[in-house]
């Protein structure tokens, strides 16, 4: 491979005939997009810059600083016990007009399945939070006890 002065970024590769760059597809069913040097005046650097711009538009979340600037989601509650996650869903109201936020705990059971413990809607979830958390912990402990007492 000829030296182009560029280290290929994530998703960008030089083709086998060394006359252009390919940007790998995000989906498996689509072909990689070629950026041939001849289309950019025979310059490998110019074709690489075009491939890099396309790649950045295709994969906008691959930047190193992006992870530090994105705010944490509602599910990121470090005070919750292991195996219990806060879930927030938008449910369609009856009659199909508007949505309601529904808060619940997703509890992973030791059998490999999971269950949901309802907390409340956007108006009631803070009042019911501790009672719902206690119920979720009891469900997880009951699953653990059933696993430990299971015959071998």
Protein backbone atom coordinates (compact mmCIF):
# COMPACT_ATOMS: atom_id res chain seq x y z
CA UNK A 1 0.00 0.00 0.00
CA UNK A 2 1.39 3.37 -0.97
CA UNK A 3 1.97 5.97 1.71
CA UNK A 4 -0.73 8.63 1.60
CA UNK A 5 0.25 10.49 4.74
CA UNK A 6 -3.09 9.60 6.36
CA UNK A 7 -3.90 7.02 8.97
CA UNK A 8 -7.28 5.59 7.95
CA UNK A 9 -10.06 6.40 10.39
CA UNK A 10 -12.68 4.01 11.69
CA UNK A 11 -14.76 2.69 8.78
CA UNK A 12 -12.33 3.90 6.08
CA UNK A 13 -10.07 1.44 4.21
CA UNK A 14 -7.77 1.67 1.20
CA UNK A 15 -8.85 -0.59 -1.68
CA UNK A 16 -6.74 -3.52 -2.93
CA UNK A 17 -5.64 -1.81 -6.14
CA UNK A 18 -4.46 1.21 -4.15
CA UNK A 19 -6.35 3.74 -6.25
CA UNK A 20 -8.97 4.92 -3.77
CA UNK A 21 -10.68 4.67 -0.42
CA UNK A 22 -13.80 2.79 0.66
CA UNK A 23 -16.14 3.82 3.46
CA UNK A 24 -17.58 0.69 5.02
CA UNK A 25 -21.35 0.47 5.14
CA UNK A 26 -23.26 0.63 8.40
CA UNK A 27 -25.73 -2.07 7.31
CA UNK A 28 -24.53 -5.41 6.01
CA UNK A 29 -26.91 -5.35 3.06
CA UNK A 30 -25.37 -2.22 1.49
CA UNK A 31 -22.11 -1.95 -0.41
CA UNK A 32 -19.18 0.23 0.71
CA UNK A 33 -18.99 3.68 -0.90
CA UNK A 34 -15.89 4.19 -3.07
CA UNK A 35 -13.83 7.38 -3.26
CA UNK A 36 -11.36 6.94 -6.14
CA UNK A 37 -8.24 9.10 -6.36
CA UNK A 38 -8.86 9.89 -10.05
CA UNK A 39 -12.09 11.70 -9.20
CA UNK A 40 -10.14 14.04 -6.92
CA UNK A 41 -7.30 14.98 -9.28
CA UNK A 42 -5.31 11.80 -8.63
CA UNK A 43 -4.62 12.83 -5.04
CA UNK A 44 -4.96 10.18 -2.36
CA UNK A 45 -5.14 12.92 0.26
CA UNK A 46 -8.06 14.69 -1.39
CA UNK A 47 -10.00 11.45 -1.84
CA UNK A 48 -9.29 10.56 1.79
CA UNK A 49 -10.68 13.90 2.98
CA UNK A 50 -13.85 13.31 0.96
CA UNK A 51 -14.17 9.79 2.38
CA UNK A 52 -13.58 11.15 5.88
CA UNK A 53 -16.36 13.76 5.51
CA UNK A 54 -18.77 11.09 4.27
CA UNK A 55 -17.74 8.78 7.12
CA UNK A 56 -18.33 11.50 9.73
CA UNK A 57 -21.82 12.11 8.33
CA UNK A 58 -22.50 8.36 8.29
CA UNK A 59 -21.21 7.71 11.82
CA UNK A 60 -21.82 10.91 13.78
CA UNK A 61 -21.37 9.28 17.20
CA UNK A 62 -17.83 7.99 16.72
CA UNK A 63 -16.15 11.17 17.92
CA UNK A 64 -14.01 10.85 21.04
CA UNK A 65 -15.42 13.95 22.72
CA UNK A 66 -19.08 13.15 21.99
CA UNK A 67 -19.26 10.66 24.87
CA UNK A 68 -18.37 13.33 27.42
CA UNK A 69 -20.87 15.92 26.22
CA UNK A 70 -23.99 13.75 26.01
CA UNK A 71 -26.16 13.97 29.10
CA UNK A 72 -26.87 10.76 30.96
CA UNK A 73 -30.17 9.01 30.32
CA UNK A 74 -32.90 8.42 32.89
CA UNK A 75 -31.74 4.81 33.22
CA UNK A 76 -28.37 5.81 34.62
CA UNK A 77 -29.13 5.64 38.34
CA UNK A 78 -26.09 4.35 40.22
CA UNK A 79 -28.02 4.19 43.51
CA UNK A 80 -30.18 1.32 42.22
CA UNK A 81 -29.20 -2.25 43.17
CA UNK A 82 -27.66 -4.59 40.61
CA UNK A 83 -30.27 -6.09 38.28
CA UNK A 84 -32.82 -3.29 38.71
CA UNK A 85 -33.13 -0.57 36.07
CA UNK A 86 -35.45 2.43 35.90
CA UNK A 87 -37.53 2.40 32.72
CA UNK A 88 -39.42 5.34 31.28
CA UNK A 89 -41.88 4.65 28.48
CA UNK A 90 -44.25 6.88 26.52
CA UNK A 91 -47.64 5.18 26.30
CA UNK A 92 -50.41 6.30 23.99
CA UNK A 93 -53.49 7.55 25.86
CA UNK A 94 -56.89 6.00 25.35
CA UNK A 95 -58.54 7.45 22.30
CA UNK A 96 -55.15 7.94 20.66
CA UNK A 97 -54.69 11.55 21.75
CA UNK A 98 -51.39 12.37 23.44
CA UNK A 99 -49.00 10.25 25.44
CA UNK A 100 -48.35 9.56 29.10
CA UNK A 101 -44.97 8.80 30.66
CA UNK A 102 -45.02 5.52 32.56
CA UNK A 103 -42.25 4.79 35.07
CA UNK A 104 -41.36 1.24 36.10
CA UNK A 105 -38.46 -0.91 37.25
CA UNK A 106 -37.11 -3.58 34.92
CA UNK A 107 -35.97 -6.42 37.18
CA UNK A 108 -33.67 -9.06 35.73
CA UNK A 109 -34.39 -12.44 37.26
CA UNK A 110 -31.83 -15.16 37.86
CA UNK A 111 -33.63 -17.45 35.41
CA UNK A 112 -32.44 -15.23 32.56
CA UNK A 113 -35.80 -13.54 32.09
CA UNK A 114 -36.95 -10.15 33.31
CA UNK A 115 -40.10 -8.68 34.76
CA UNK A 116 -41.52 -5.21 35.25
CA UNK A 117 -42.57 -3.56 38.51
CA UNK A 118 -44.88 -0.63 37.87
CA UNK A 119 -44.12 2.65 39.72
CA UNK A 120 -46.53 5.20 38.32
CA UNK A 121 -47.11 7.97 35.79
CA UNK A 122 -45.34 11.31 35.57
CA UNK A 123 -47.60 12.69 38.33
CA UNK A 124 -47.32 9.79 40.80
CA UNK A 125 -43.97 8.07 40.27
CA UNK A 126 -42.00 10.11 42.83
CA UNK A 127 -44.51 9.32 45.58
CA UNK A 128 -44.51 5.59 44.71
CA UNK A 129 -40.74 5.32 44.00
CA UNK A 130 -39.61 3.81 47.33
CA UNK A 131 -42.51 1.35 47.53
CA UNK A 132 -41.84 0.25 43.95
CA UNK A 133 -38.12 -0.15 44.68
CA UNK A 134 -38.87 -2.31 47.73
CA UNK A 135 -41.19 -4.47 45.64
CA UNK A 136 -38.55 -4.80 42.89
CA UNK A 137 -35.92 -5.87 45.45
CA UNK A 138 -38.35 -8.46 46.89
CA UNK A 139 -39.04 -9.85 43.39
CA UNK A 140 -35.30 -10.16 42.71
CA UNK A 141 -34.63 -11.80 46.09
CA UNK A 142 -37.53 -14.24 45.56
CA UNK A 143 -36.01 -15.20 42.20
CA UNK A 144 -32.61 -15.66 43.85
CA UNK A 145 -34.07 -17.82 46.61
CA UNK A 146 -35.89 -20.00 44.07
CA UNK A 147 -32.64 -20.50 42.20
CA UNK A 148 -30.69 -21.43 45.35
CA UNK A 149 -33.40 -23.85 46.52
CA UNK A 150 -33.77 -25.53 43.11
CA UNK A 151 -32.85 -29.24 43.08
CA UNK A 152 -29.71 -30.11 41.16
